[in-house]
């Protein structure tokens, strides 16, 4: 019976319950480093609970971490090879970019000037799936098709592109045929914005033709 205390002590040392718990801080650090390596520039990260680490035995080798899912909500799997265990932790990736917003309230029909527009760093999640603008100069001279409150992120649904050519205006039309480019003065019979294809009249011949409005002016592309 004298050996019983020694045997009980040996069993206690061998028991998994006596093993040191894994450090939650070490798990969080390993996951953060793995997430930062693949996160977009400027993104901020936040982790879900890592308290489950205290139920794991201390890892004898460096933790390996794999990230799965799609931003902004992803999942990290922190894996220990010896002793073998895996802890799953949620990772939120908050990416932000500088986008054009309304610097002050904008009324429907208003022509946009520099004082109406500014850049602000906004979370991508606010406009995911929508086209936005990254340079206020893209919108100068455009008009608002609806009211936009101050701080609102501007997108193409809010904006009508600037009028480049007005009906009745005489403009120079580039006529391109193969590698040859000519200029022709013509009268616009419609008002056009960038991307529109409108009718023009050649004042010399009276002939009407269509040309597309570009940032550089009307262009008529002839088939070679």
Protein backbone atom coordinates (compact mmCIF):
# COMPACT_ATOMS: atom_id res chain seq x y z
CA UNK A 1 0.00 0.00 0.00
CA UNK A 2 3.02 2.28 0.43
CA UNK A 3 3.40 2.50 -3.34
CA UNK A 4 -0.18 3.80 -3.90
CA UNK A 5 0.61 7.54 -3.49
CA UNK A 6 3.50 7.24 -5.95
CA UNK A 7 1.32 5.42 -8.49
CA UNK A 8 -1.46 8.04 -8.18
CA UNK A 9 1.08 10.83 -8.65
CA UNK A 10 2.44 9.18 -11.80
CA UNK A 11 -1.08 8.78 -13.21
CA UNK A 12 -1.81 12.44 -12.53
CA UNK A 13 1.30 13.50 -14.45
CA UNK A 14 0.32 11.31 -17.39
CA UNK A 15 -3.30 12.53 -17.48
CA UNK A 16 -4.28 14.82 -20.43
CA UNK A 17 -6.06 17.06 -17.95
CA UNK A 18 -2.69 17.91 -16.44
CA UNK A 19 -1.27 19.08 -19.79
CA UNK A 20 -0.79 22.86 -20.18
CA UNK A 21 -3.59 24.54 -22.21
CA UNK A 22 -2.81 26.20 -25.51
CA UNK A 23 -2.32 29.97 -25.28
CA UNK A 24 -5.27 31.85 -26.83
CA UNK A 25 -2.89 34.71 -27.53
CA UNK A 26 -0.60 32.46 -29.57
CA UNK A 27 -3.55 31.17 -31.61
CA UNK A 28 -4.82 34.71 -32.24
CA UNK A 29 -1.35 35.86 -33.32
CA UNK A 30 -0.90 32.95 -35.75
CA UNK A 31 -4.33 33.56 -37.32
CA UNK A 32 -3.79 37.32 -37.57
CA UNK A 33 -0.44 36.86 -39.32
CA UNK A 34 -1.93 34.38 -41.80
CA UNK A 35 -4.90 36.66 -42.53
CA UNK A 36 -2.71 39.75 -42.97
CA UNK A 37 -0.62 37.91 -45.55
CA UNK A 38 -3.61 37.51 -47.89
CA UNK A 39 -5.76 40.53 -46.94
CA UNK A 40 -6.03 43.49 -49.38
CA UNK A 41 -3.83 46.52 -48.61
CA UNK A 42 -5.37 48.76 -45.97
CA UNK A 43 -7.85 46.14 -44.75
CA UNK A 44 -8.53 45.81 -41.02
CA UNK A 45 -9.02 42.42 -39.37
CA UNK A 46 -11.04 41.24 -36.39
CA UNK A 47 -11.19 37.72 -34.96
CA UNK A 48 -14.01 35.77 -33.42
CA UNK A 49 -13.60 34.07 -29.99
CA UNK A 50 -10.37 32.11 -29.48
CA UNK A 51 -11.22 31.02 -25.93
CA UNK A 52 -11.58 27.45 -27.19
CA UNK A 53 -7.78 27.25 -27.15
CA UNK A 54 -7.88 26.62 -23.40
CA UNK A 55 -9.45 23.22 -24.08
CA UNK A 56 -6.53 22.23 -26.34
CA UNK A 57 -3.16 20.94 -25.21
CA UNK A 58 -0.23 23.25 -25.79
CA UNK A 59 1.10 22.68 -29.30
CA UNK A 60 4.63 21.28 -29.41
CA UNK A 61 5.21 22.56 -32.97
CA UNK A 62 4.38 25.84 -34.73
CA UNK A 63 0.70 26.24 -35.57
CA UNK A 64 -0.34 26.10 -39.23
CA UNK A 65 -3.28 28.26 -40.34
CA UNK A 66 -5.50 28.01 -43.42
CA UNK A 67 -8.07 30.65 -44.41
CA UNK A 68 -11.25 29.84 -46.34
CA UNK A 69 -14.41 31.69 -47.34
CA UNK A 70 -14.94 35.07 -48.98
CA UNK A 71 -14.46 38.58 -47.60
CA UNK A 72 -15.69 40.17 -45.48
CA UNK A 73 -16.48 36.97 -43.53
CA UNK A 74 -13.91 34.20 -43.60
CA UNK A 75 -12.90 31.26 -41.43
CA UNK A 76 -9.47 30.37 -40.12
CA UNK A 77 -8.46 26.83 -39.18
CA UNK A 78 -5.57 26.83 -36.69
CA UNK A 79 -4.04 23.33 -36.85
CA UNK A 80 -1.61 21.69 -34.46
CA UNK A 81 0.21 18.55 -35.61
CA UNK A 82 1.46 17.41 -32.19
CA UNK A 83 -0.77 16.80 -30.35
CA UNK A 84 -3.27 16.78 -33.21
CA UNK A 85 -6.13 19.30 -32.97
CA UNK A 86 -7.79 22.05 -35.04
CA UNK A 87 -9.49 25.20 -33.79
CA UNK A 88 -11.84 27.15 -36.11
CA UNK A 89 -12.10 30.93 -35.69
CA UNK A 90 -14.09 33.47 -37.71
CA UNK A 91 -12.16 36.31 -39.36
CA UNK A 92 -13.81 39.56 -40.50
CA UNK A 93 -11.91 41.44 -43.21
CA UNK A 94 -13.00 45.09 -43.38
CA UNK A 95 -11.53 46.52 -46.57
CA UNK A 96 -11.88 50.23 -47.34
CA UNK A 97 -10.99 52.47 -50.29
CA UNK A 98 -11.08 56.14 -51.20
CA UNK A 99 -14.26 56.77 -53.21
CA UNK A 100 -16.12 59.86 -54.40
CA UNK A 101 -18.91 61.05 -52.09
CA UNK A 102 -21.17 64.09 -52.01
CA UNK A 103 -19.40 66.87 -50.11
CA UNK A 104 -22.77 68.55 -49.51
CA UNK A 105 -26.40 67.86 -50.39
CA UNK A 106 -26.92 67.53 -54.16
CA UNK A 107 -30.30 68.26 -55.77
CA UNK A 108 -31.76 66.35 -58.69
CA UNK A 109 -30.82 68.04 -61.97
CA UNK A 110 -27.86 69.87 -60.41
CA UNK A 111 -24.65 70.16 -62.45
CA UNK A 112 -21.72 68.92 -60.38
CA UNK A 113 -18.74 71.12 -59.60
CA UNK A 114 -15.61 70.60 -57.52
CA UNK A 115 -17.25 71.93 -54.34
CA UNK A 116 -19.93 69.21 -54.58
CA UNK A 117 -17.49 66.30 -54.55
CA UNK A 118 -14.81 64.90 -52.26
CA UNK A 119 -12.98 61.67 -51.50
CA UNK A 120 -13.61 59.62 -48.36
CA UNK A 121 -12.33 56.25 -47.19
CA UNK A 122 -15.37 53.97 -47.02
CA UNK A 123 -15.78 50.24 -46.24
CA UNK A 124 -16.04 48.21 -49.44
CA UNK A 125 -19.00 46.36 -47.92
CA UNK A 126 -21.09 49.56 -48.28
CA UNK A 127 -20.93 49.46 -52.08
CA UNK A 128 -20.02 45.85 -52.89
CA UNK A 129 -21.38 44.88 -56.30
CA UNK A 130 -21.92 48.49 -57.41
CA UNK A 131 -19.75 50.65 -59.64
CA UNK A 132 -18.35 53.73 -57.88
CA UNK A 133 -16.02 56.60 -58.75
CA UNK A 134 -12.44 57.02 -57.52
CA UNK A 135 -11.65 60.49 -58.91
CA UNK A 136 -13.90 63.57 -58.52
CA UNK A 137 -12.67 64.80 -61.91
CA UNK A 138 -14.68 61.97 -63.52
CA UNK A 139 -17.90 63.71 -62.49
CA UNK A 140 -17.20 67.38 -63.14
CA UNK A 141 -19.91 68.75 -65.42
CA UNK A 142 -22.15 65.71 -64.91
CA UNK A 143 -25.68 66.20 -63.62
CA UNK A 144 -27.48 64.44 -60.78
CA UNK A 145 -30.53 62.44 -61.84
CA UNK A 146 -31.70 62.21 -58.23
CA UNK A 147 -31.03 63.93 -54.91
CA UNK A 148 -27.98 62.74 -52.96
CA UNK A 149 -27.44 63.52 -49.29
CA UNK A 150 -24.10 64.80 -48.00
CA UNK A 151 -21.72 61.88 -47.50
CA UNK A 152 -23.57 59.65 -49.97
CA UNK A 153 -21.40 57.42 -52.17
CA UNK A 154 -21.98 58.36 -55.82
CA UNK A 155 -22.59 55.68 -58.44
CA UNK A 156 -23.71 55.71 -62.09
CA UNK A 157 -27.38 55.32 -61.11
CA UNK A 158 -27.18 58.78 -59.50
CA UNK A 159 -25.37 60.54 -62.33
CA UNK A 160 -25.96 61.51 -65.95
CA UNK A 161 -22.70 61.96 -67.85
CA UNK A 162 -21.82 65.51 -68.97
CA UNK A 163 -23.36 66.75 -72.21
CA UNK A 164 -20.51 66.86 -74.74
CA UNK A 165 -22.44 67.92 -77.82
CA UNK A 166 -25.65 69.98 -77.93
CA UNK A 167 -28.30 69.82 -80.64
CA UNK A 168 -27.59 72.43 -83.31
CA UNK A 169 -23.93 72.72 -82.37
CA UNK A 170 -21.29 72.58 -85.12
CA UNK A 171 -18.45 70.29 -84.07
CA UNK A 172 -15.47 68.55 -85.58
CA UNK A 173 -16.11 64.85 -86.19
CA UNK A 174 -13.18 62.46 -86.54
CA UNK A 175 -13.72 60.10 -89.46
CA UNK A 176 -11.56 56.99 -89.20
CA UNK A 177 -11.11 54.56 -92.07
CA UNK A 178 -8.42 51.96 -91.64
CA UNK A 179 -5.27 53.85 -90.70
CA UNK A 180 -6.51 57.19 -92.05
CA UNK A 181 -8.17 59.83 -89.86
CA UNK A 182 -9.92 62.90 -91.26
CA UNK A 183 -11.82 65.75 -89.61
CA UNK A 184 -15.23 66.91 -90.78
CA UNK A 185 -17.27 69.84 -89.48
CA UNK A 186 -20.86 68.74 -88.95
CA UNK A 187 -24.01 69.94 -87.18
CA UNK A 188 -25.38 67.80 -84.34
CA UNK A 189 -29.09 67.09 -84.72
CA UNK A 190 -29.28 65.61 -81.20
CA UNK A 191 -27.75 66.22 -77.78
CA UNK A 192 -25.15 63.63 -76.80
CA UNK A 193 -23.21 62.44 -73.78
CA UNK A 194 -20.12 60.22 -73.69
CA UNK A 195 -21.05 56.81 -75.04
CA UNK A 196 -24.09 58.03 -76.99
CA UNK A 197 -24.39 57.57 -80.74
CA UNK A 198 -26.23 60.52 -82.28
CA UNK A 199 -27.07 61.95 -85.71
CA UNK A 200 -25.06 64.66 -87.46
CA UNK A 201 -25.62 66.56 -90.70
CA UNK A 202 -22.88 67.40 -93.17
CA UNK A 203 -23.72 71.05 -94.05
CA UNK A 204 -21.96 70.80 -97.42
CA UNK A 205 -23.89 67.80 -98.73
CA UNK A 206 -26.91 67.70 -96.42
CA UNK A 207 -26.14 64.06 -95.77
CA UNK A 208 -26.91 62.70 -92.29
CA UNK A 209 -24.74 60.18 -90.50
CA UNK A 210 -24.25 58.70 -87.01
CA UNK A 211 -21.16 59.13 -84.83
CA UNK A 212 -20.33 58.06 -81.31
CA UNK A 213 -19.57 60.64 -78.63
CA UNK A 214 -16.24 60.04 -76.86
CA UNK A 215 -14.26 62.08 -74.34
CA UNK A 216 -12.23 63.39 -77.31
CA UNK A 217 -15.35 64.31 -79.28
CA UNK A 218 -17.56 62.65 -81.94
CA UNK A 219 -16.00 59.74 -83.84
CA UNK A 220 -17.26 58.05 -87.01
CA UNK A 221 -15.60 54.67 -87.55
CA UNK A 222 -15.92 53.55 -91.18
CA UNK A 223 -15.55 49.92 -92.18
CA UNK A 224 -12.40 49.43 -94.30
